[in-house]
């Protein structure tokens, strides 16, 4: 077999499809391995370039195969899909598409995350799931109680009032069977809130011990949750040339549909990491609602609606965050320009 220059792996739980190319761009290997055979196979190979989609378990395999001396690249699935043969999707063709995408210099790769980065992001993912469950439970309680004519104002205080009514056995407004079901929902809601508080505390602890997180937390409206999410996701900030590139990576720039020299801008692209983008938009929303408005924000609101201004502020927060991560230091206010 000729020397392999690059090899692609189509990952799965148990069966891993390989597709290898030599220096003359000829296929020299196309086979399937079981999970337990993967590391042994690459341990016997001469160092080469290994590519895989940035999907579930990809970072683990990238670390393991990289430790064997290979250069591992992770490719976003969106850049692999154009090379999949139309109407002929299978594991072998998927691996061939990954191998083809590896040869394109314009394809953006995903940095391999460390176990520490993944651990911090797992805290964020667990918290996000619990927040969603809390919202579902709160909405369910409100909807069920409304069927019996019991309503309360929006917000935490109103919800607390409803929970008290739901578990009050002396209140005749609810049938016993309904109260039993609602008490279960209320208990689950309290449990979700306790777990969210525990995760918030753990994220704050991790932020305090991380120097980059502490520097990001000096930016107005950015707290430990947003700071730790950015640091854990971005890794090396210098892979972005400018802050604008970072904001574009997060999808906080307008989409384009231009032709014939005519520039047409649309809504934001919403590309990149949805979690960080939503956190930055929430930070910007809080700044508009509750923060002291700087001259820059006042001028922004003077020429666009509040929702557009929120995204513009989120874009600026992203640029500031990149500058602090890439060049060091902390946030410094500038007269007339500070957010």
Protein backbone atom coordinates (compact mmCIF):
# COMPACT_ATOMS: atom_id res chain seq x y z
CA UNK A 1 0.00 0.00 0.00
CA UNK A 2 1.30 3.43 -0.95
CA UNK A 3 2.04 6.11 1.64
CA UNK A 4 -1.18 7.65 2.95
CA UNK A 5 -1.19 11.45 2.97
CA UNK A 6 -4.63 11.99 4.42
CA UNK A 7 -7.31 9.76 5.84
CA UNK A 8 -10.90 10.53 6.80
CA UNK A 9 -13.00 8.84 9.47
CA UNK A 10 -16.78 8.75 9.52
CA UNK A 11 -17.51 8.44 13.23
CA UNK A 12 -20.29 6.47 14.87
CA UNK A 13 -20.85 4.52 18.07
CA UNK A 14 -19.57 1.18 16.88
CA UNK A 15 -18.55 1.19 13.20
CA UNK A 16 -15.93 3.64 11.87
CA UNK A 17 -15.55 4.05 8.11
CA UNK A 18 -12.11 5.00 6.75
CA UNK A 19 -11.20 6.59 3.43
CA UNK A 20 -7.52 7.23 2.64
CA UNK A 21 -5.76 9.08 -0.19
CA UNK A 22 -2.12 8.96 -1.31
CA UNK A 23 0.05 11.78 -2.64
CA UNK A 24 -1.35 11.28 -6.16
CA UNK A 25 -4.95 11.71 -4.92
CA UNK A 26 -5.76 8.05 -5.47
CA UNK A 27 -7.87 6.02 -3.07
CA UNK A 28 -5.63 3.53 -1.30
CA UNK A 29 -7.87 2.46 1.57
CA UNK A 30 -11.60 2.11 2.08
CA UNK A 31 -12.55 -0.07 5.01
CA UNK A 32 -14.55 -0.22 8.20
CA UNK A 33 -13.22 -0.64 11.73
CA UNK A 34 -14.88 -1.59 14.98
CA UNK A 35 -14.58 0.81 17.88
CA UNK A 36 -11.93 -1.24 19.64
CA UNK A 37 -9.76 -1.40 16.51
CA UNK A 38 -9.43 2.32 15.82
CA UNK A 39 -6.55 3.29 18.09
CA UNK A 40 -4.60 0.13 17.29
CA UNK A 41 -4.95 0.84 13.57
CA UNK A 42 -3.65 4.41 13.84
CA UNK A 43 -0.86 3.39 16.22
CA UNK A 44 0.63 1.25 13.44
CA UNK A 45 0.30 3.95 10.77
CA UNK A 46 2.98 6.45 9.83
CA UNK A 47 2.01 10.00 10.89
CA UNK A 48 -0.42 11.59 8.45
CA UNK A 49 -3.32 14.02 8.30
CA UNK A 50 -6.53 12.65 9.79
CA UNK A 51 -9.89 14.33 9.34
CA UNK A 52 -13.34 13.85 10.80
CA UNK A 53 -16.57 15.76 11.17
CA UNK A 54 -16.91 17.94 14.27
CA UNK A 55 -19.71 15.86 15.75
CA UNK A 56 -20.40 13.84 18.89
CA UNK A 57 -17.23 12.26 20.34
CA UNK A 58 -15.05 13.93 17.68
CA UNK A 59 -12.97 15.87 20.21
CA UNK A 60 -12.25 12.69 22.17
CA UNK A 61 -11.08 10.82 19.10
CA UNK A 62 -9.09 13.83 17.91
CA UNK A 63 -7.18 13.93 21.19
CA UNK A 64 -6.55 10.18 21.21
CA UNK A 65 -5.43 9.96 17.57
CA UNK A 66 -3.42 13.16 17.86
CA UNK A 67 -1.52 11.66 20.79
CA UNK A 68 -0.32 8.95 18.40
CA UNK A 69 1.53 11.53 16.30
CA UNK A 70 -1.08 12.30 13.64
CA UNK A 71 -2.30 15.75 12.62
CA UNK A 72 -6.04 15.77 13.29
CA UNK A 73 -8.49 18.26 11.79
CA UNK A 74 -12.16 18.62 12.67
CA UNK A 75 -14.42 19.88 9.89
CA UNK A 76 -17.89 21.36 10.46
CA UNK A 77 -20.57 19.11 8.92
CA UNK A 78 -21.86 22.03 6.84
CA UNK A 79 -18.58 22.05 4.89
CA UNK A 80 -18.68 18.29 4.33
CA UNK A 81 -22.25 18.04 3.06
CA UNK A 82 -21.58 19.62 -0.39
CA UNK A 83 -19.16 16.79 -1.18
CA UNK A 84 -21.55 13.95 -0.35
CA UNK A 85 -22.73 12.27 -3.54
CA UNK A 86 -26.31 13.23 -4.15
CA UNK A 87 -28.77 10.45 -3.46
CA UNK A 88 -25.99 8.07 -2.40
CA UNK A 89 -25.46 8.81 1.27
CA UNK A 90 -23.80 6.00 3.16
CA UNK A 91 -20.83 5.61 5.50
CA UNK A 92 -18.32 5.08 2.70
CA UNK A 93 -19.48 8.13 0.75
CA UNK A 94 -19.56 10.21 3.93
CA UNK A 95 -15.92 9.31 4.64
CA UNK A 96 -15.01 10.14 1.04
CA UNK A 97 -16.74 13.52 1.39
CA UNK A 98 -14.76 14.28 4.55
CA UNK A 99 -11.55 13.36 2.75
CA UNK A 100 -12.47 15.66 -0.13
CA UNK A 101 -13.30 18.54 2.21
CA UNK A 102 -9.91 18.13 3.90
CA UNK A 103 -8.20 19.04 0.63
CA UNK A 104 -9.95 22.43 0.40
CA UNK A 105 -7.91 25.23 1.94
CA UNK A 106 -11.01 27.43 2.22
CA UNK A 107 -12.69 25.00 4.63
CA UNK A 108 -12.64 26.27 8.20
CA UNK A 109 -11.60 23.72 10.80
CA UNK A 110 -12.70 23.39 14.42
CA UNK A 111 -10.03 23.51 17.15
CA UNK A 112 -9.80 20.39 19.27
CA UNK A 113 -11.13 21.07 22.75
CA UNK A 114 -9.33 19.96 25.88
CA UNK A 115 -11.09 17.83 28.51
CA UNK A 116 -11.19 20.91 30.74
CA UNK A 117 -12.97 22.97 28.10
CA UNK A 118 -15.49 20.22 27.51
CA UNK A 119 -16.09 19.86 31.25
CA UNK A 120 -16.92 23.56 31.62
CA UNK A 121 -19.18 23.46 28.56
CA UNK A 122 -20.93 20.44 30.03
CA UNK A 123 -21.88 22.58 33.02
CA UNK A 124 -23.36 25.11 30.61
CA UNK A 125 -25.26 22.49 28.60
CA UNK A 126 -26.68 20.92 31.75
CA UNK A 127 -27.72 24.34 33.04
CA UNK A 128 -29.36 25.23 29.73
CA UNK A 129 -31.34 21.99 29.77
CA UNK A 130 -32.51 22.57 33.34
CA UNK A 131 -33.51 26.17 32.56
CA UNK A 132 -35.62 24.85 29.68
CA UNK A 133 -37.23 22.29 31.97
CA UNK A 134 -37.93 24.98 34.56
CA UNK A 135 -39.67 27.09 31.93
CA UNK A 136 -41.74 24.10 30.79
CA UNK A 137 -42.78 23.28 34.35
CA UNK A 138 -43.68 26.88 35.14
CA UNK A 139 -45.79 27.16 31.99
CA UNK A 140 -47.48 23.85 32.76
CA UNK A 141 -48.38 24.98 36.28
CA UNK A 142 -49.80 28.26 35.02
CA UNK A 143 -51.80 26.57 32.27
CA UNK A 144 -53.25 23.85 34.52
CA UNK A 145 -54.23 26.29 37.26
CA UNK A 146 -55.80 28.63 34.72
CA UNK A 147 -58.25 25.81 33.90
CA UNK A 148 -59.63 26.29 37.41
CA UNK A 149 -59.69 30.08 37.15
CA UNK A 150 -56.49 30.59 39.14
CA UNK A 151 -54.05 33.03 37.55
CA UNK A 152 -51.18 35.16 38.80
CA UNK A 153 -48.96 37.93 37.40
CA UNK A 154 -45.92 37.07 35.32
CA UNK A 155 -42.59 36.63 37.04
CA UNK A 156 -41.18 34.73 39.95
CA UNK A 157 -43.47 36.23 42.59
CA UNK A 158 -46.58 35.28 40.67
CA UNK A 159 -45.28 31.76 40.15
CA UNK A 160 -44.49 31.41 43.86
CA UNK A 161 -48.09 32.37 44.62
CA UNK A 162 -49.39 29.69 42.26
CA UNK A 163 -47.12 27.04 43.76
CA UNK A 164 -48.35 27.90 47.25
CA UNK A 165 -51.95 27.50 46.07
CA UNK A 166 -51.16 24.24 44.31
CA UNK A 167 -49.75 22.58 47.43
CA UNK A 168 -52.21 24.08 49.94
CA UNK A 169 -54.46 21.18 50.88
CA UNK A 170 -56.84 23.50 52.73
CA UNK A 171 -57.72 25.47 49.58
CA UNK A 172 -61.01 24.13 48.14
CA UNK A 173 -60.45 25.71 44.71
CA UNK A 174 -58.63 22.62 43.40
CA UNK A 175 -59.86 19.02 43.26
CA UNK A 176 -57.71 16.55 45.16
CA UNK A 177 -56.57 14.71 42.02
CA UNK A 178 -55.50 17.95 40.34
CA UNK A 179 -53.66 19.06 43.47
CA UNK A 180 -51.77 15.77 43.56
CA UNK A 181 -50.55 16.20 39.98
CA UNK A 182 -49.69 19.88 40.46
CA UNK A 183 -47.77 19.13 43.66
CA UNK A 184 -45.54 16.78 41.66
CA UNK A 185 -44.87 19.50 39.09
CA UNK A 186 -44.15 22.01 41.84
CA UNK A 187 -41.69 19.64 43.51
CA UNK A 188 -39.94 19.03 40.21
CA UNK A 189 -39.78 22.78 39.59
CA UNK A 190 -38.17 23.40 42.97
CA UNK A 191 -35.70 20.59 42.30
CA UNK A 192 -34.77 22.11 38.93
CA UNK A 193 -34.25 25.52 40.53
CA UNK A 194 -31.98 24.02 43.20
CA UNK A 195 -29.89 22.27 40.55
CA UNK A 196 -29.64 25.45 38.47
CA UNK A 197 -28.41 27.34 41.54
CA UNK A 198 -25.82 24.61 42.18
CA UNK A 199 -24.56 24.79 38.59
CA UNK A 200 -24.45 28.60 38.73
CA UNK A 201 -22.31 28.36 41.84
CA UNK A 202 -19.97 25.85 40.20
CA UNK A 203 -19.61 28.01 37.07
CA UNK A 204 -18.82 31.06 39.22
CA UNK A 205 -16.18 29.07 41.08
CA UNK A 206 -14.59 27.97 37.80
CA UNK A 207 -14.66 31.56 36.54
CA UNK A 208 -12.90 32.90 39.63
CA UNK A 209 -10.02 30.46 39.18
CA UNK A 210 -9.56 31.28 35.47
CA UNK A 211 -7.57 34.42 34.69
CA UNK A 212 -9.14 34.94 31.24
CA UNK A 213 -12.64 34.66 32.69
CA UNK A 214 -11.86 37.24 35.34
CA UNK A 215 -10.66 39.68 32.68
CA UNK A 216 -13.78 39.16 30.56
CA UNK A 217 -15.98 39.72 33.60
CA UNK A 218 -14.72 43.33 33.74
CA UNK A 219 -16.76 44.09 30.60
CA UNK A 220 -20.07 45.78 31.48
CA UNK A 221 -23.01 43.33 31.63
CA UNK A 222 -20.81 40.25 31.10
CA UNK A 223 -20.84 37.96 34.11
CA UNK A 224 -19.29 34.61 35.02
CA UNK A 225 -21.66 32.51 32.91
CA UNK A 226 -21.02 34.40 29.67
CA UNK A 227 -17.31 34.78 30.38
CA UNK A 228 -16.73 31.09 31.08
CA UNK A 229 -18.77 30.05 28.04
CA UNK A 230 -16.66 32.27 25.76
CA UNK A 231 -13.33 31.12 27.20
CA UNK A 232 -14.25 27.42 27.10
CA UNK A 233 -15.61 27.60 23.55
CA UNK A 234 -13.10 29.87 21.84
CA UNK A 235 -9.85 28.40 23.12
CA UNK A 236 -7.13 30.31 21.26
CA UNK A 237 -8.57 33.74 20.31
CA UNK A 238 -5.76 34.43 17.84
CA UNK A 239 -7.31 32.10 15.30
CA UNK A 240 -9.52 35.11 14.55
CA UNK A 241 -7.65 37.94 12.85
CA UNK A 242 -9.91 40.67 14.20
CA UNK A 243 -12.80 41.20 16.55
CA UNK A 244 -15.07 41.50 13.54
CA UNK A 245 -14.11 37.98 12.48
CA UNK A 246 -15.05 36.76 15.95
CA UNK A 247 -18.41 38.55 15.80
CA UNK A 248 -19.02 37.07 12.34
CA UNK A 249 -18.13 33.61 13.66
CA UNK A 250 -20.84 34.07 16.28
CA UNK A 251 -23.39 35.07 13.64
CA UNK A 252 -23.77 38.64 14.90
CA UNK A 253 -23.28 40.28 11.49
CA UNK A 254 -25.84 40.90 8.72
CA UNK A 255 -26.39 38.28 6.06
CA UNK A 256 -25.87 39.30 2.44
CA UNK A 257 -27.83 38.70 -0.72
CA UNK A 258 -25.92 40.97 -3.08
CA UNK A 259 -25.54 40.83 -6.84
CA UNK A 260 -24.62 43.08 -9.75
CA UNK A 261 -22.81 45.55 -7.55
CA UNK A 262 -25.94 46.08 -5.45
CA UNK A 263 -25.45 45.37 -1.75
CA UNK A 264 -28.44 43.90 0.04
CA UNK A 265 -28.12 43.19 3.75
CA UNK A 266 -30.53 40.99 5.65
CA UNK A 267 -30.98 39.63 9.17
CA UNK A 268 -27.99 38.40 11.12
CA UNK A 269 -26.52 35.13 9.89
CA UNK A 270 -26.95 33.27 13.21
CA UNK A 271 -23.90 31.20 12.31
CA UNK A 272 -21.54 29.75 14.87
CA UNK A 273 -22.17 29.01 18.52
CA UNK A 274 -25.81 29.64 19.39
CA UNK A 275 -25.20 29.49 23.14
CA UNK A 276 -22.64 32.31 23.23
CA UNK A 277 -24.67 34.39 20.79
CA UNK A 278 -27.79 34.12 22.95
CA UNK A 279 -25.81 34.98 26.09
CA UNK A 280 -24.34 38.09 24.47
CA UNK A 281 -27.77 39.19 23.26
CA UNK A 282 -29.11 38.71 26.79
CA UNK A 283 -26.22 40.80 28.13
CA UNK A 284 -27.01 43.54 25.62
CA UNK A 285 -30.71 43.39 26.47
CA UNK A 286 -29.95 43.81 30.16
CA UNK A 287 -27.68 46.73 29.38
CA UNK A 288 -30.44 48.49 27.44
CA UNK A 289 -33.12 47.85 30.05
CA UNK A 290 -31.27 48.35 33.30
CA UNK A 291 -27.86 49.85 32.59
CA UNK A 292 -26.73 53.44 32.34
CA UNK A 293 -26.83 54.38 28.67
CA UNK A 294 -23.63 55.77 27.24
CA UNK A 295 -23.62 58.42 24.48
CA UNK A 296 -22.81 55.66 21.98
CA UNK A 297 -25.87 53.63 22.97
CA UNK A 298 -28.06 56.73 22.99
CA UNK A 299 -26.93 57.57 19.46
CA UNK A 300 -27.55 53.97 18.42
CA UNK A 301 -31.13 54.06 19.70
CA UNK A 302 -31.63 57.34 17.89
CA UNK A 303 -31.15 55.76 14.48
CA UNK A 304 -32.55 52.23 14.88
CA UNK A 305 -35.14 50.26 16.79
CA UNK A 306 -34.30 48.73 20.15
CA UNK A 307 -34.03 45.15 18.89
CA UNK A 308 -31.50 46.05 16.22
CA UNK A 309 -29.61 48.11 18.76
CA UNK A 310 -29.50 45.08 21.05
CA UNK A 311 -27.79 43.00 18.37
CA UNK A 312 -25.40 45.86 17.59
CA UNK A 313 -24.42 46.04 21.27
CA UNK A 314 -23.98 42.25 21.37
CA UNK A 315 -21.70 42.57 18.35
CA UNK A 316 -19.62 45.20 20.13
CA UNK A 317 -19.45 43.10 23.29
CA UNK A 318 -18.12 40.22 21.20
CA UNK A 319 -15.42 42.44 19.68
CA UNK A 320 -14.40 43.76 23.09
CA UNK A 321 -14.26 40.21 24.46
CA UNK A 322 -12.01 39.14 21.59
CA UNK A 323 -9.70 42.12 22.11
CA UNK A 324 -9.30 41.32 25.80
CA UNK A 325 -8.65 37.63 25.14
CA UNK A 326 -6.26 38.24 22.26
CA UNK A 327 -4.29 41.19 23.62
CA UNK A 328 -4.64 40.84 27.38
CA UNK A 329 -5.66 43.45 29.90
CA UNK A 330 -9.11 44.32 31.19
CA UNK A 331 -11.95 46.50 29.99
CA UNK A 332 -11.16 50.22 29.87
CA UNK A 333 -13.87 52.79 29.40
CA UNK A 334 -13.43 55.42 26.71
CA UNK A 335 -15.35 58.66 26.80
CA UNK A 336 -18.26 58.65 24.37
CA UNK A 337 -17.52 55.16 23.09
CA UNK A 338 -17.93 52.92 26.12
CA UNK A 339 -20.77 50.45 26.13
